[in-house]
Protein backbone atom coordinates (compact mmCIF):
# COMPACT_ATOMS: atom_id res chain seq x y z
CA UNK A 1 0.18 0.21 0.00
CA UNK A 2 1.23 3.75 -1.00
CA UNK A 3 2.32 6.06 1.88
CA UNK A 4 -1.37 7.92 3.19
CA UNK A 5 -1.70 11.19 2.20
CA UNK A 6 -1.81 13.80 5.39
CA UNK A 7 -5.33 14.61 6.22
CA UNK A 8 -7.14 17.41 8.56
CA UNK A 9 -10.06 17.15 10.79
CA UNK A 10 -11.76 19.84 13.14
CA UNK A 11 -11.41 19.89 16.55
CA UNK A 12 -15.56 19.58 16.68
CA UNK A 13 -15.40 16.50 14.47
CA UNK A 14 -12.66 14.93 16.43
CA UNK A 15 -14.18 15.31 20.05
CA UNK A 16 -17.70 14.03 18.44
CA UNK A 17 -16.02 10.50 16.91
CA UNK A 18 -13.38 10.09 19.60
CA UNK A 19 -16.70 10.16 21.97
CA UNK A 20 -18.76 7.69 20.04
CA UNK A 21 -15.80 5.49 19.70
CA UNK A 22 -15.59 5.48 23.47
CA UNK A 23 -18.86 4.47 24.30
CA UNK A 24 -21.38 0.54 23.68
CA UNK A 25 -21.17 -0.48 20.90
CA UNK A 26 -18.43 0.88 19.75
CA UNK A 27 -15.69 0.81 22.27
CA UNK A 28 -13.70 -2.04 21.74
CA UNK A 29 -14.68 -3.28 18.31
CA UNK A 30 -11.68 -3.97 16.19
CA UNK A 31 -14.21 -3.27 12.90
CA UNK A 32 -13.64 0.41 13.51
CA UNK A 33 -9.96 0.23 13.95
CA UNK A 34 -9.90 2.11 11.02
CA UNK A 35 -11.31 5.17 11.67
CA UNK A 36 -9.47 5.16 15.04
CA UNK A 37 -6.09 5.25 13.02
CA UNK A 38 -7.46 7.62 10.82
CA UNK A 39 -8.23 10.19 13.87
CA UNK A 40 -5.07 9.24 15.38
CA UNK A 41 -2.90 10.17 12.34
CA UNK A 42 -4.83 13.50 12.02
CA UNK A 43 -3.79 16.79 11.88
CA UNK A 44 -6.11 18.61 14.31
CA UNK A 45 -7.23 22.44 13.60
CA UNK A 46 -9.62 24.40 14.93
CA UNK A 47 -13.24 24.61 13.12
CA UNK A 48 -12.58 27.96 11.83
CA UNK A 49 -9.04 27.52 10.73
CA UNK A 50 -10.38 24.31 8.35
CA UNK A 51 -9.78 25.01 4.52
CA UNK A 52 -13.28 24.51 2.57
CA UNK A 53 -11.94 21.73 0.46
CA UNK A 54 -11.45 19.49 2.96
CA UNK A 55 -13.72 16.65 3.98
CA UNK A 56 -15.53 16.64 7.32
CA UNK A 57 -18.34 15.67 9.11
CA UNK A 58 -21.32 16.20 6.88
CA UNK A 59 -19.52 17.52 3.85
CA UNK A 60 -21.13 16.18 0.26
CA UNK A 61 -17.86 14.82 -1.27
CA UNK A 62 -17.34 13.97 -4.90
CA UNK A 63 -14.86 11.47 -5.11
CA UNK A 64 -13.67 9.06 -8.52
CA UNK A 65 -13.06 5.63 -8.85
CA UNK A 66 -10.33 6.24 -10.64
CA UNK A 67 -10.01 2.27 -11.84
CA UNK A 68 -13.32 2.64 -13.46
CA UNK A 69 -14.01 6.52 -13.92
CA UNK A 70 -17.10 6.08 -12.21
CA UNK A 71 -18.28 9.24 -10.25
CA UNK A 72 -19.95 9.13 -6.68
CA UNK A 73 -21.56 12.26 -4.68
CA UNK A 74 -21.89 11.07 -1.21
CA UNK A 75 -22.51 13.05 2.34
CA UNK A 76 -20.59 12.07 4.74
CA UNK A 77 -22.44 11.22 7.83
CA UNK A 78 -23.18 9.80 11.96
CA UNK A 79 -24.70 6.81 11.40
CA UNK A 80 -27.88 8.19 13.14
CA UNK A 81 -28.22 10.41 10.27
CA UNK A 82 -28.25 7.72 7.73
CA UNK A 83 -31.70 6.33 8.16
CA UNK A 84 -33.49 7.10 4.93
CA UNK A 85 -31.22 9.25 3.87
CA UNK A 86 -30.26 8.73 -0.13
CA UNK A 87 -26.52 9.40 -1.29
CA UNK A 88 -25.11 9.40 2.55
CA UNK A 89 -22.21 7.08 3.60
CA UNK A 90 -21.56 6.57 7.47
CA UNK A 91 -18.33 7.38 9.07
CA UNK A 92 -18.23 4.27 10.42
CA UNK A 93 -17.91 2.71 6.79
CA UNK A 94 -13.98 2.06 5.68
CA UNK A 95 -14.99 4.30 2.67
CA UNK A 96 -16.23 6.97 4.84
CA UNK A 97 -13.20 6.80 7.69
CA UNK A 98 -10.94 7.12 4.66
CA UNK A 99 -12.98 10.35 3.15
CA UNK A 100 -12.76 12.26 6.43
CA UNK A 101 -9.70 14.74 6.50
CA UNK A 102 -8.95 14.45 2.47
CA UNK A 103 -8.46 17.90 0.42
CA UNK A 104 -9.76 18.30 -3.10
CA UNK A 105 -6.90 16.92 -5.56
CA UNK A 106 -5.60 14.21 -2.95
CA UNK A 107 -5.89 10.44 -4.14
CA UNK A 108 -5.90 6.95 -1.53
CA UNK A 109 -5.29 3.92 -2.15
CA UNK A 110 -8.65 2.01 -0.74
CA UNK A 111 -8.26 -1.52 -0.39
CA UNK A 112 -11.71 -3.35 -0.90
CA UNK A 113 -12.53 -6.50 1.09
CA UNK A 114 -12.26 -9.25 -1.56
CA UNK A 115 -8.26 -7.62 -1.23
CA UNK A 116 -8.30 -5.69 -4.46
CA UNK A 117 -7.38 -2.12 -4.53
CA UNK A 118 -9.02 0.85 -5.88
CA UNK A 119 -7.76 4.33 -6.51
CA UNK A 120 -10.04 7.11 -5.15
CA UNK A 121 -9.95 10.73 -6.13
CA UNK A 122 -11.52 13.74 -4.23
CA UNK A 123 -13.39 16.04 -7.10
CA UNK A 124 -15.13 18.07 -4.88
CA UNK A 125 -16.28 18.79 -2.07
CA UNK A 126 -19.43 21.04 -0.35
CA UNK A 127 -19.93 22.35 3.35
CA UNK A 128 -23.17 22.73 4.94
CA UNK A 129 -22.99 26.76 5.71
CA UNK A 130 -23.48 26.85 9.44
CA UNK A 131 -24.93 30.24 11.01
């Protein structure tokens, strides 16, 4: 596997995600170790210091699987926000964990369960306007 690209995560997102991972049913569950690893290597920045082109919680991300040229647009959500919402992806899904903190133009080498690798490139990031 290639070297992991640098990622940035906001203080708010990391606090919320680490808080969730410390509680049942997530605490101690090895299925979430990928997310734990991503959070451990992240550069943590203040909410107002986060560049607009970086994937954070509730970002709508357009990404491309380079091998197929297929593009997807998904909103990165907490698990409880997924129910009934089309075009969302959970932060606890492996690809959701992998997208967090990436910026436009970055590429990740993503290993699928069948041990094949796919290269996923961030095309566009849209962040909700907060008031």
